[in-house]
Amino acid sequence: MFSNILFFFPLILHFVCLLCYCQLMQGNIWLVPNAQGFPQVMALFLRFQLWRSIAVSNSEPGENSETSNSNSFFRGLQVLLADNDDVNRAVTQKLLQKLGCVVTSVSSGFECLNVIGPAGSSFQVILLDLHMPELDGFEVATRIPKFRSRNWPVIVALTASTDDLWERCMQIGMNGVIRKPVLLHGIASELRRIILQGNSVM
């Protein structure tokens, strides 16, 4: 039994990594079972854009005008990303960079607070995974207000939990929640909403 687990673990890990990269490319991957219900075929779906000229917009098929204009809206936005999961952190960082954000990523709550201190109020957005070990996103969020300048930075929770955490996040000063797995349209829409709301009250 243990030897079987050791045999299949690298395959499962590779599949998870491949799935994350597929989602990063706005695609998907799934297993197609045979008549006995066992995985037999792996199906892969990726989106590719045909560029007609250099000046063509970089929007992807199926994106609305709001998402296609995200690069200009988020360009230069200073974002601090804290997530202890290497794969999730890498995927989220790539999506943010695709939107035009300047991203600093860390792997723990302690690193997050250390980076915020010297940088002062240079970060405009802080993305916190709620379930980091030792110092989770909730605890980090409660310690951030002393670094804030007026309404910045805004604090956004990252979570794969299906529980309704909105009220708890709002109570400790967070501005929004983004569900995992993080997708380009989802992260762009939530960040746009939060930033516009922050600007309206400044």
N, C-alpha and C. Protein backbone atom coordinates (compact mmCIF):
# COMPACT_ATOMS: atom_id res chain seq x y z
N MET A 1 0.83 -1.20 0.00
CA MET A 1 0.00 0.00 0.00
C MET A 1 0.87 1.25 0.00
N PHE A 2 1.85 1.28 0.92
CA PHE A 2 2.73 2.45 1.01
C PHE A 2 3.56 2.63 -0.26
N SER A 3 4.01 1.51 -0.82
CA SER A 3 4.80 1.58 -2.05
C SER A 3 3.96 2.12 -3.20
N ASN A 4 2.66 1.77 -3.23
CA ASN A 4 1.77 2.28 -4.28
C ASN A 4 1.62 3.79 -4.17
N ILE A 5 1.50 4.27 -2.93
CA ILE A 5 1.37 5.70 -2.71
C ILE A 5 2.62 6.43 -3.19
N LEU A 6 3.80 5.87 -2.86
CA LEU A 6 5.05 6.48 -3.29
C LEU A 6 5.16 6.49 -4.81
N PHE A 7 4.61 5.45 -5.45
CA PHE A 7 4.68 5.36 -6.91
C PHE A 7 3.81 6.42 -7.56
N PHE A 8 2.60 6.62 -7.03
CA PHE A 8 1.65 7.52 -7.67
C PHE A 8 1.83 8.99 -7.25
N PHE A 9 2.51 9.24 -6.14
CA PHE A 9 2.63 10.61 -5.65
C PHE A 9 3.27 11.56 -6.66
N PRO A 10 4.41 11.19 -7.31
CA PRO A 10 4.98 12.11 -8.31
C PRO A 10 4.03 12.37 -9.47
N LEU A 11 3.25 11.35 -9.86
CA LEU A 11 2.30 11.54 -10.96
C LEU A 11 1.21 12.53 -10.57
N ILE A 12 0.72 12.41 -9.34
CA ILE A 12 -0.33 13.31 -8.86
C ILE A 12 0.22 14.74 -8.78
N LEU A 13 1.44 14.88 -8.27
CA LEU A 13 2.06 16.20 -8.15
C LEU A 13 2.24 16.85 -9.51
N HIS A 14 2.69 16.07 -10.50
CA HIS A 14 2.87 16.60 -11.86
C HIS A 14 1.53 17.00 -12.46
N PHE A 15 0.49 16.21 -12.18
CA PHE A 15 -0.83 16.53 -12.71
C PHE A 15 -1.35 17.85 -12.13
N VAL A 16 -1.15 18.06 -10.82
CA VAL A 16 -1.60 19.29 -10.18
C VAL A 16 -0.86 20.50 -10.75
N CYS A 17 0.45 20.36 -10.94
CA CYS A 17 1.24 21.44 -11.52
C CYS A 17 0.78 21.76 -12.94
N LEU A 18 0.53 20.70 -13.72
CA LEU A 18 0.07 20.88 -15.09
C LEU A 18 -1.29 21.56 -15.12
N LEU A 19 -2.17 21.18 -14.19
CA LEU A 19 -3.49 21.79 -14.10
C LEU A 19 -3.38 23.29 -13.82
N CYS A 20 -2.48 23.67 -12.91
CA CYS A 20 -2.30 25.09 -12.58
C CYS A 20 -1.81 25.88 -13.80
N TYR A 21 -0.87 25.30 -14.54
CA TYR A 21 -0.37 26.00 -15.72
C TYR A 21 -1.43 26.12 -16.80
N CYS A 22 -2.26 25.09 -16.93
CA CYS A 22 -3.36 25.14 -17.90
C CYS A 22 -4.34 26.25 -17.55
N GLN A 23 -4.68 26.36 -16.26
CA GLN A 23 -5.59 27.41 -15.83
C GLN A 23 -4.97 28.79 -16.01
N LEU A 24 -3.66 28.87 -15.84
CA LEU A 24 -2.96 30.12 -16.06
C LEU A 24 -3.10 30.57 -17.51
N MET A 25 -3.18 29.61 -18.45
CA MET A 25 -3.34 29.89 -19.87
C MET A 25 -4.81 29.92 -20.28
N GLN A 26 -5.69 30.04 -19.27
CA GLN A 26 -7.14 30.08 -19.50
C GLN A 26 -7.64 28.79 -20.16
N GLY A 27 -7.01 27.67 -19.83
CA GLY A 27 -7.42 26.37 -20.35
C GLY A 27 -7.84 25.45 -19.23
N ASN A 28 -7.91 24.15 -19.54
CA ASN A 28 -8.31 23.17 -18.53
C ASN A 28 -7.76 21.81 -18.92
N ILE A 29 -7.74 20.89 -17.97
CA ILE A 29 -7.28 19.53 -18.21
C ILE A 29 -8.10 18.59 -17.35
N TRP A 30 -8.47 17.45 -17.91
CA TRP A 30 -9.27 16.51 -17.15
C TRP A 30 -8.99 15.09 -17.64
N LEU A 31 -9.38 14.11 -16.81
CA LEU A 31 -9.19 12.70 -17.12
C LEU A 31 -10.51 12.11 -17.62
N VAL A 32 -10.43 11.33 -18.70
CA VAL A 32 -11.60 10.68 -19.27
C VAL A 32 -11.58 9.21 -18.89
N PRO A 33 -12.58 8.73 -18.12
CA PRO A 33 -12.57 7.33 -17.67
C PRO A 33 -12.99 6.36 -18.76
N ASN A 34 -12.57 5.10 -18.60
CA ASN A 34 -13.01 4.05 -19.51
C ASN A 34 -14.32 3.45 -19.00
N ALA A 35 -14.73 2.33 -19.58
CA ALA A 35 -16.00 1.70 -19.21
C ALA A 35 -16.01 1.22 -17.77
N GLN A 36 -14.85 0.90 -17.22
CA GLN A 36 -14.76 0.44 -15.83
C GLN A 36 -14.63 1.60 -14.83
N GLY A 37 -14.56 2.82 -15.34
CA GLY A 37 -14.48 3.97 -14.46
C GLY A 37 -13.07 4.41 -14.12
N PHE A 38 -12.06 3.75 -14.70
CA PHE A 38 -10.67 4.12 -14.42
C PHE A 38 -10.19 5.13 -15.46
N PRO A 39 -9.34 6.09 -15.05
CA PRO A 39 -8.82 7.07 -16.00
C PRO A 39 -8.07 6.39 -17.14
N GLN A 40 -8.44 6.75 -18.36
CA GLN A 40 -7.83 6.11 -19.52
C GLN A 40 -7.18 7.15 -20.45
N VAL A 41 -7.84 8.31 -20.60
CA VAL A 41 -7.36 9.33 -21.52
C VAL A 41 -7.31 10.66 -20.79
N MET A 42 -6.27 11.44 -21.07
CA MET A 42 -6.15 12.78 -20.50
C MET A 42 -6.47 13.78 -21.59
N ALA A 43 -7.45 14.66 -21.34
CA ALA A 43 -7.85 15.67 -22.31
C ALA A 43 -7.29 17.02 -21.89
N LEU A 44 -6.79 17.76 -22.87
CA LEU A 44 -6.15 19.04 -22.62
C LEU A 44 -6.78 20.10 -23.51
N PHE A 45 -7.18 21.23 -22.90
CA PHE A 45 -7.79 22.32 -23.67
C PHE A 45 -7.05 23.61 -23.35
N LEU A 46 -6.52 24.27 -24.38
CA LEU A 46 -5.79 25.53 -24.22
C LEU A 46 -6.33 26.56 -25.20
N ARG A 47 -6.29 27.82 -24.79
CA ARG A 47 -6.70 28.90 -25.67
C ARG A 47 -5.48 29.60 -26.24
N PHE A 48 -5.49 29.84 -27.55
CA PHE A 48 -4.42 30.58 -28.20
C PHE A 48 -5.01 31.73 -28.98
N GLN A 49 -4.34 32.85 -28.94
CA GLN A 49 -4.81 34.02 -29.66
C GLN A 49 -4.01 34.20 -30.94
N LEU A 50 -4.71 34.46 -32.05
CA LEU A 50 -4.07 34.73 -33.32
C LEU A 50 -3.85 36.23 -33.44
N TRP A 51 -2.60 36.63 -33.55
CA TRP A 51 -2.27 38.04 -33.66
C TRP A 51 -2.25 38.46 -35.12
N ARG A 52 -3.09 39.41 -35.48
CA ARG A 52 -3.14 39.87 -36.87
C ARG A 52 -2.11 40.96 -37.14
N SER A 53 -1.79 41.72 -36.09
CA SER A 53 -0.79 42.77 -36.25
C SER A 53 -0.25 43.13 -34.88
N ILE A 54 0.79 43.91 -34.84
CA ILE A 54 1.41 44.29 -33.58
C ILE A 54 0.45 45.16 -32.75
N ALA A 55 -0.38 45.93 -33.41
CA ALA A 55 -1.24 46.88 -32.71
C ALA A 55 -2.53 46.26 -32.20
N VAL A 56 -2.76 44.99 -32.48
CA VAL A 56 -4.02 44.37 -32.07
C VAL A 56 -4.09 44.28 -30.55
N SER A 57 -5.30 44.36 -29.98
CA SER A 57 -5.48 44.28 -28.54
C SER A 57 -5.07 42.91 -28.04
N ASN A 58 -4.59 42.84 -26.78
CA ASN A 58 -4.15 41.57 -26.21
C ASN A 58 -5.26 40.86 -25.48
N SER A 59 -6.53 41.16 -25.76
CA SER A 59 -7.64 40.48 -25.12
C SER A 59 -7.74 39.06 -25.62
N GLU A 60 -8.24 38.15 -24.81
CA GLU A 60 -8.35 36.76 -25.14
C GLU A 60 -9.78 36.44 -25.54
N PRO A 61 -10.00 35.35 -26.31
CA PRO A 61 -11.35 34.97 -26.69
C PRO A 61 -12.23 34.79 -25.48
N GLY A 62 -13.41 35.36 -25.54
CA GLY A 62 -14.36 35.19 -24.44
C GLY A 62 -14.25 36.26 -23.38
N GLU A 63 -13.20 37.10 -23.41
CA GLU A 63 -13.06 38.14 -22.40
C GLU A 63 -13.94 39.32 -22.76
N ASN A 64 -14.52 40.00 -21.76
CA ASN A 64 -15.29 41.20 -22.02
C ASN A 64 -14.36 42.40 -22.06
N SER A 65 -14.92 43.57 -22.36
CA SER A 65 -14.09 44.77 -22.51
C SER A 65 -13.43 45.16 -21.21
N GLU A 66 -14.08 44.87 -20.06
CA GLU A 66 -13.50 45.23 -18.77
C GLU A 66 -12.20 44.51 -18.53
N THR A 67 -12.17 43.19 -18.82
CA THR A 67 -10.96 42.41 -18.61
C THR A 67 -9.89 42.77 -19.62
N SER A 68 -10.29 43.05 -20.87
CA SER A 68 -9.30 43.35 -21.91
C SER A 68 -8.59 44.67 -21.64
N ASN A 69 -9.21 45.57 -20.86
CA ASN A 69 -8.57 46.84 -20.52
C ASN A 69 -7.85 46.80 -19.18
N SER A 70 -7.73 45.60 -18.58
CA SER A 70 -7.16 45.49 -17.25
C SER A 70 -5.70 45.91 -17.20
N ASN A 71 -4.96 45.66 -18.28
CA ASN A 71 -3.54 45.98 -18.25
C ASN A 71 -3.30 47.46 -17.97
N SER A 72 -4.10 48.34 -18.60
CA SER A 72 -3.91 49.77 -18.37
C SER A 72 -4.42 50.18 -17.00
N PHE A 73 -5.47 49.54 -16.52
CA PHE A 73 -6.04 49.89 -15.22
C PHE A 73 -5.10 49.52 -14.07
N PHE A 74 -4.46 48.35 -14.17
CA PHE A 74 -3.62 47.85 -13.08
C PHE A 74 -2.13 48.12 -13.29
N ARG A 75 -1.77 48.71 -14.41
CA ARG A 75 -0.34 48.86 -14.72
C ARG A 75 0.37 49.67 -13.64
N GLY A 76 1.44 49.07 -13.10
CA GLY A 76 2.25 49.74 -12.08
C GLY A 76 1.72 49.59 -10.67
N LEU A 77 0.60 48.90 -10.49
CA LEU A 77 0.03 48.71 -9.15
C LEU A 77 0.98 47.88 -8.30
N GLN A 78 1.35 48.40 -7.14
CA GLN A 78 2.30 47.72 -6.25
C GLN A 78 1.55 46.72 -5.37
N VAL A 79 1.82 45.43 -5.57
CA VAL A 79 1.09 44.37 -4.88
C VAL A 79 2.06 43.51 -4.06
N LEU A 80 1.66 43.23 -2.82
CA LEU A 80 2.40 42.30 -1.97
C LEU A 80 1.55 41.04 -1.84
N LEU A 81 2.11 39.90 -2.23
CA LEU A 81 1.40 38.61 -2.21
C LEU A 81 2.01 37.70 -1.16
N ALA A 82 1.20 37.21 -0.22
CA ALA A 82 1.67 36.29 0.82
C ALA A 82 0.89 35.00 0.75
N ASP A 83 1.58 33.90 0.39
CA ASP A 83 0.95 32.59 0.28
C ASP A 83 2.03 31.53 0.50
N ASN A 84 1.80 30.60 1.41
CA ASN A 84 2.83 29.61 1.73
C ASN A 84 2.89 28.48 0.70
N ASP A 85 1.87 28.34 -0.14
CA ASP A 85 1.86 27.28 -1.16
C ASP A 85 2.62 27.75 -2.40
N ASP A 86 3.70 27.05 -2.74
CA ASP A 86 4.58 27.48 -3.84
C ASP A 86 3.85 27.57 -5.17
N VAL A 87 3.02 26.55 -5.48
CA VAL A 87 2.32 26.52 -6.76
C VAL A 87 1.28 27.64 -6.83
N ASN A 88 0.46 27.77 -5.79
CA ASN A 88 -0.55 28.83 -5.77
C ASN A 88 0.08 30.21 -5.85
N ARG A 89 1.19 30.38 -5.14
CA ARG A 89 1.87 31.68 -5.14
C ARG A 89 2.40 32.01 -6.54
N ALA A 90 2.99 31.02 -7.20
CA ALA A 90 3.54 31.24 -8.53
C ALA A 90 2.45 31.57 -9.54
N VAL A 91 1.34 30.83 -9.48
CA VAL A 91 0.24 31.06 -10.42
C VAL A 91 -0.39 32.43 -10.19
N THR A 92 -0.65 32.78 -8.93
CA THR A 92 -1.25 34.08 -8.62
C THR A 92 -0.33 35.22 -9.04
N GLN A 93 0.97 35.06 -8.81
CA GLN A 93 1.93 36.10 -9.20
C GLN A 93 1.92 36.30 -10.71
N LYS A 94 1.88 35.22 -11.47
CA LYS A 94 1.86 35.33 -12.93
C LYS A 94 0.60 36.04 -13.42
N LEU A 95 -0.55 35.74 -12.80
CA LEU A 95 -1.79 36.38 -13.19
C LEU A 95 -1.75 37.88 -12.90
N LEU A 96 -1.22 38.23 -11.73
CA LEU A 96 -1.11 39.65 -11.38
C LEU A 96 -0.16 40.39 -12.33
N GLN A 97 0.94 39.74 -12.68
CA GLN A 97 1.88 40.35 -13.61
C GLN A 97 1.26 40.49 -15.00
N LYS A 98 0.42 39.55 -15.36
CA LYS A 98 -0.27 39.63 -16.64
C LYS A 98 -1.21 40.83 -16.67
N LEU A 99 -1.75 41.20 -15.51
CA LEU A 99 -2.61 42.37 -15.42
C LEU A 99 -1.82 43.67 -15.43
N GLY A 100 -0.51 43.58 -15.27
CA GLY A 100 0.33 44.77 -15.27
C GLY A 100 0.81 45.19 -13.90
N CYS A 101 0.53 44.37 -12.87
CA CYS A 101 0.94 44.71 -11.51
C CYS A 101 2.43 44.45 -11.29
N VAL A 102 3.01 45.19 -10.35
CA VAL A 102 4.38 44.94 -9.90
C VAL A 102 4.25 44.15 -8.60
N VAL A 103 4.72 42.89 -8.61
CA VAL A 103 4.41 41.96 -7.52
C VAL A 103 5.65 41.63 -6.71
N THR A 104 5.51 41.72 -5.38
CA THR A 104 6.49 41.19 -4.44
C THR A 104 5.82 40.02 -3.73
N SER A 105 6.42 38.84 -3.77
CA SER A 105 5.79 37.66 -3.17
C SER A 105 6.61 37.14 -2.00
N VAL A 106 5.91 36.69 -0.96
CA VAL A 106 6.53 36.09 0.22
C VAL A 106 5.76 34.83 0.58
N SER A 107 6.38 33.98 1.41
CA SER A 107 5.80 32.66 1.69
C SER A 107 5.27 32.52 3.11
N SER A 108 5.22 33.59 3.89
CA SER A 108 4.71 33.48 5.25
C SER A 108 4.19 34.82 5.75
N GLY A 109 3.39 34.76 6.82
CA GLY A 109 2.87 35.98 7.42
C GLY A 109 3.97 36.84 8.02
N PHE A 110 4.98 36.20 8.62
CA PHE A 110 6.08 36.95 9.22
C PHE A 110 6.87 37.71 8.16
N GLU A 111 7.13 37.05 7.02
CA GLU A 111 7.83 37.73 5.92
C GLU A 111 7.02 38.91 5.42
N CYS A 112 5.73 38.73 5.36
CA CYS A 112 4.84 39.80 4.89
C CYS A 112 4.98 41.04 5.76
N LEU A 113 4.91 40.87 7.07
CA LEU A 113 5.02 42.01 7.99
C LEU A 113 6.41 42.64 7.92
N ASN A 114 7.44 41.82 7.75
CA ASN A 114 8.80 42.35 7.65
C ASN A 114 8.98 43.21 6.40
N VAL A 115 8.35 42.78 5.30
CA VAL A 115 8.47 43.53 4.05
C VAL A 115 7.68 44.84 4.13
N ILE A 116 6.53 44.80 4.77
CA ILE A 116 5.70 46.01 4.87
C ILE A 116 6.40 47.08 5.70
N GLY A 117 7.06 46.69 6.77
CA GLY A 117 7.69 47.66 7.66
C GLY A 117 8.62 48.64 6.97
N PRO A 118 9.74 48.17 6.36
CA PRO A 118 10.68 49.08 5.70
C PRO A 118 10.07 49.81 4.52
N ALA A 119 9.12 49.14 3.83
CA ALA A 119 8.56 49.74 2.61
C ALA A 119 7.53 50.81 2.92
N GLY A 120 7.08 50.88 4.16
CA GLY A 120 6.08 51.87 4.51
C GLY A 120 4.79 51.66 3.76
N SER A 121 4.30 52.70 3.10
CA SER A 121 3.02 52.63 2.40
C SER A 121 3.19 52.45 0.90
N SER A 122 4.31 51.90 0.44
CA SER A 122 4.54 51.77 -1.00
C SER A 122 3.63 50.73 -1.64
N PHE A 123 3.16 49.76 -0.86
CA PHE A 123 2.25 48.75 -1.41
C PHE A 123 0.83 49.29 -1.40
N GLN A 124 0.17 49.11 -2.54
CA GLN A 124 -1.22 49.56 -2.67
C GLN A 124 -2.21 48.44 -2.40
N VAL A 125 -1.78 47.20 -2.65
CA VAL A 125 -2.64 46.03 -2.43
C VAL A 125 -1.84 44.94 -1.74
N ILE A 126 -2.44 44.31 -0.73
CA ILE A 126 -1.82 43.16 -0.06
C ILE A 126 -2.78 41.98 -0.17
N LEU A 127 -2.31 40.91 -0.80
CA LEU A 127 -3.09 39.68 -0.92
C LEU A 127 -2.60 38.69 0.11
N LEU A 128 -3.50 38.23 0.99
CA LEU A 128 -3.12 37.35 2.08
C LEU A 128 -3.86 36.02 2.01
N ASP A 129 -3.10 34.92 1.95
CA ASP A 129 -3.71 33.61 2.11
C ASP A 129 -4.17 33.47 3.57
N LEU A 130 -5.42 33.10 3.76
CA LEU A 130 -5.97 33.07 5.12
C LEU A 130 -5.45 31.91 5.96
N HIS A 131 -4.89 30.88 5.32
CA HIS A 131 -4.57 29.66 6.05
C HIS A 131 -3.08 29.35 6.09
N MET A 132 -2.26 30.38 6.10
CA MET A 132 -0.82 30.17 6.25
C MET A 132 -0.51 29.65 7.65
N PRO A 133 0.47 28.76 7.79
CA PRO A 133 0.82 28.24 9.11
C PRO A 133 1.50 29.30 9.98
N GLU A 134 1.48 29.08 11.28
CA GLU A 134 2.13 29.94 12.27
C GLU A 134 1.44 31.30 12.40
N LEU A 135 1.45 32.09 11.34
CA LEU A 135 0.80 33.40 11.36
C LEU A 135 -0.12 33.48 10.14
N ASP A 136 -1.41 33.24 10.36
CA ASP A 136 -2.32 33.18 9.21
C ASP A 136 -2.73 34.57 8.74
N GLY A 137 -3.51 34.58 7.66
CA GLY A 137 -3.90 35.85 7.05
C GLY A 137 -4.73 36.73 7.95
N PHE A 138 -5.56 36.13 8.79
CA PHE A 138 -6.38 36.91 9.72
C PHE A 138 -5.49 37.69 10.70
N GLU A 139 -4.50 37.00 11.26
CA GLU A 139 -3.62 37.64 12.24
C GLU A 139 -2.76 38.71 11.57
N VAL A 140 -2.28 38.42 10.36
CA VAL A 140 -1.47 39.42 9.65
C VAL A 140 -2.30 40.68 9.39
N ALA A 141 -3.55 40.48 8.99
CA ALA A 141 -4.42 41.63 8.67
C ALA A 141 -4.64 42.53 9.89
N THR A 142 -4.73 41.93 11.08
CA THR A 142 -4.94 42.74 12.28
C THR A 142 -3.71 43.56 12.64
N ARG A 143 -2.53 43.15 12.15
CA ARG A 143 -1.30 43.88 12.47
C ARG A 143 -0.93 44.92 11.42
N ILE A 144 -1.62 44.90 10.28
CA ILE A 144 -1.27 45.80 9.19
C ILE A 144 -1.74 47.24 9.39
N PRO A 145 -2.88 47.51 10.05
CA PRO A 145 -3.37 48.89 10.12
C PRO A 145 -2.35 49.93 10.56
N LYS A 146 -1.40 49.57 11.42
CA LYS A 146 -0.42 50.56 11.88
C LYS A 146 0.52 51.00 10.76
N PHE A 147 0.57 50.21 9.65
CA PHE A 147 1.40 50.58 8.52
C PHE A 147 0.62 51.36 7.47
N ARG A 148 -0.70 51.50 7.65
CA ARG A 148 -1.54 52.10 6.63
C ARG A 148 -1.40 53.62 6.57
N SER A 149 -1.56 54.13 5.34
CA SER A 149 -1.62 55.57 5.10
C SER A 149 -2.97 55.86 4.47
N ARG A 150 -3.84 56.52 5.21
CA ARG A 150 -5.22 56.77 4.79
C ARG A 150 -5.89 55.43 4.46
N ASN A 151 -6.29 55.22 3.19
CA ASN A 151 -7.01 54.01 2.83
C ASN A 151 -6.11 52.95 2.19
N TRP A 152 -4.81 53.19 2.16
CA TRP A 152 -3.91 52.24 1.52
C TRP A 152 -2.94 51.65 2.53
N PRO A 153 -2.51 50.41 2.34
CA PRO A 153 -2.93 49.52 1.26
C PRO A 153 -4.28 48.86 1.55
N VAL A 154 -4.94 48.42 0.47
CA VAL A 154 -6.14 47.61 0.65
C VAL A 154 -5.70 46.16 0.89
N ILE A 155 -6.47 45.43 1.67
CA ILE A 155 -6.10 44.07 2.04
C ILE A 155 -7.15 43.11 1.47
N VAL A 156 -6.68 42.10 0.75
CA VAL A 156 -7.57 41.14 0.09
C VAL A 156 -7.22 39.74 0.55
N ALA A 157 -8.24 38.97 0.95
CA ALA A 157 -8.04 37.61 1.42
C ALA A 157 -8.03 36.63 0.25
N LEU A 158 -7.17 35.62 0.34
CA LEU A 158 -7.15 34.50 -0.61
C LEU A 158 -7.52 33.24 0.15
N THR A 159 -8.50 32.50 -0.36
CA THR A 159 -8.92 31.29 0.35
C THR A 159 -9.56 30.29 -0.61
N ALA A 160 -9.33 29.01 -0.31
CA ALA A 160 -9.98 27.93 -1.05
C ALA A 160 -11.20 27.42 -0.29
N SER A 161 -11.44 27.98 0.89
CA SER A 161 -12.55 27.55 1.73
C SER A 161 -13.88 27.94 1.11
N THR A 162 -14.86 27.06 1.27
CA THR A 162 -16.21 27.35 0.78
C THR A 162 -17.06 28.04 1.85
N ASP A 163 -16.50 28.19 3.05
CA ASP A 163 -17.23 28.86 4.13
C ASP A 163 -17.41 30.34 3.81
N ASP A 164 -18.45 30.93 4.36
CA ASP A 164 -18.69 32.35 4.18
C ASP A 164 -17.82 33.13 5.16
N LEU A 165 -16.69 33.63 4.67
CA LEU A 165 -15.73 34.32 5.52
C LEU A 165 -15.80 35.84 5.37
N TRP A 166 -16.72 36.31 4.56
CA TRP A 166 -16.78 37.74 4.24
C TRP A 166 -16.91 38.60 5.49
N GLU A 167 -17.87 38.26 6.35
CA GLU A 167 -18.13 39.09 7.52
C GLU A 167 -16.92 39.14 8.45
N ARG A 168 -16.27 38.00 8.68
CA ARG A 168 -15.09 37.98 9.54
C ARG A 168 -13.96 38.81 8.94
N CYS A 169 -13.79 38.71 7.62
CA CYS A 169 -12.73 39.48 6.96
C CYS A 169 -12.99 40.97 7.08
N MET A 170 -14.25 41.38 6.92
CA MET A 170 -14.58 42.80 7.01
C MET A 170 -14.36 43.32 8.43
N GLN A 171 -14.64 42.50 9.42
CA GLN A 171 -14.51 42.92 10.81
C GLN A 171 -13.07 43.26 11.20
N ILE A 172 -12.12 42.59 10.57
CA ILE A 172 -10.71 42.85 10.92
C ILE A 172 -10.02 43.78 9.92
N GLY A 173 -10.82 44.38 9.04
CA GLY A 173 -10.27 45.42 8.17
C GLY A 173 -9.89 45.01 6.77
N MET A 174 -10.28 43.80 6.35
CA MET A 174 -10.00 43.41 4.96
C MET A 174 -11.02 44.05 4.03
N ASN A 175 -10.61 44.22 2.77
CA ASN A 175 -11.46 44.91 1.81
C ASN A 175 -12.15 43.99 0.81
N GLY A 176 -11.73 42.72 0.76
CA GLY A 176 -12.34 41.80 -0.20
C GLY A 176 -11.82 40.39 -0.03
N VAL A 177 -12.45 39.46 -0.77
CA VAL A 177 -12.08 38.04 -0.72
C VAL A 177 -12.01 37.51 -2.15
N ILE A 178 -10.92 36.81 -2.47
CA ILE A 178 -10.78 36.14 -3.76
C ILE A 178 -10.68 34.65 -3.51
N ARG A 179 -11.52 33.88 -4.19
CA ARG A 179 -11.56 32.44 -4.01
C ARG A 179 -10.51 31.74 -4.87
N LYS A 180 -9.95 30.68 -4.32
CA LYS A 180 -9.04 29.81 -5.08
C LYS A 180 -9.84 28.66 -5.68
N PRO A 181 -9.43 28.13 -6.84
CA PRO A 181 -8.25 28.55 -7.62
C PRO A 181 -8.46 29.93 -8.24
N VAL A 182 -7.40 30.73 -8.21
CA VAL A 182 -7.47 32.10 -8.71
C VAL A 182 -7.46 32.09 -10.24
N LEU A 183 -8.43 32.77 -10.84
CA LEU A 183 -8.51 32.90 -12.28
C LEU A 183 -8.36 34.36 -12.69
N LEU A 184 -7.93 34.60 -13.91
CA LEU A 184 -7.60 35.95 -14.36
C LEU A 184 -8.80 36.89 -14.24
N HIS A 185 -9.95 36.48 -14.75
CA HIS A 185 -11.12 37.36 -14.72
C HIS A 185 -11.57 37.63 -13.29
N GLY A 186 -11.54 36.59 -12.44
CA GLY A 186 -11.98 36.75 -11.06
C GLY A 186 -11.12 37.72 -10.28
N ILE A 187 -9.80 37.59 -10.41
CA ILE A 187 -8.91 38.47 -9.66
C ILE A 187 -8.97 39.90 -10.19
N ALA A 188 -9.14 40.06 -11.51
CA ALA A 188 -9.24 41.40 -12.10
C ALA A 188 -10.51 42.10 -11.64
N SER A 189 -11.63 41.38 -11.65
CA SER A 189 -12.91 41.98 -11.26
C SER A 189 -12.92 42.41 -9.80
N GLU A 190 -12.41 41.56 -8.91
CA GLU A 190 -12.43 41.88 -7.48
C GLU A 190 -11.47 43.02 -7.16
N LEU A 191 -10.28 43.00 -7.75
CA LEU A 191 -9.33 44.09 -7.50
C LEU A 191 -9.85 45.42 -8.02
N ARG A 192 -10.48 45.40 -9.20
CA ARG A 192 -11.04 46.62 -9.76
C ARG A 192 -12.12 47.20 -8.83
N ARG A 193 -12.99 46.32 -8.33
CA ARG A 193 -14.07 46.76 -7.44
C ARG A 193 -13.50 47.40 -6.17
N ILE A 194 -12.50 46.74 -5.58
CA ILE A 194 -11.91 47.21 -4.33
C ILE A 194 -11.20 48.54 -4.52
N ILE A 195 -10.43 48.67 -5.60
CA ILE A 195 -9.67 49.89 -5.84
C ILE A 195 -10.59 51.07 -6.13
N LEU A 196 -11.61 50.85 -6.96
CA LEU A 196 -12.56 51.92 -7.25
C LEU A 196 -13.31 52.34 -5.99
N GLN A 197 -13.66 51.37 -5.15
CA GLN A 197 -14.33 51.69 -3.90
C GLN A 197 -13.42 52.49 -2.98
N GLY A 198 -12.13 52.12 -2.94
CA GLY A 198 -11.17 52.85 -2.12
C GLY A 198 -10.97 54.28 -2.61
N ASN A 199 -10.93 54.47 -3.94
CA ASN A 199 -10.75 55.80 -4.48
C ASN A 199 -11.96 56.70 -4.19
N SER A 200 -13.15 56.08 -4.15
CA SER A 200 -14.36 56.87 -3.97
C SER A 200 -14.51 57.44 -2.56
N VAL A 201 -13.78 56.83 -1.60
CA VAL A 201 -13.90 57.31 -0.21
C VAL A 201 -12.69 58.12 0.24
N MET A 202 -11.73 58.32 -0.67
CA MET A 202 -10.52 59.06 -0.28
C MET A 202 -10.80 60.56 -0.27
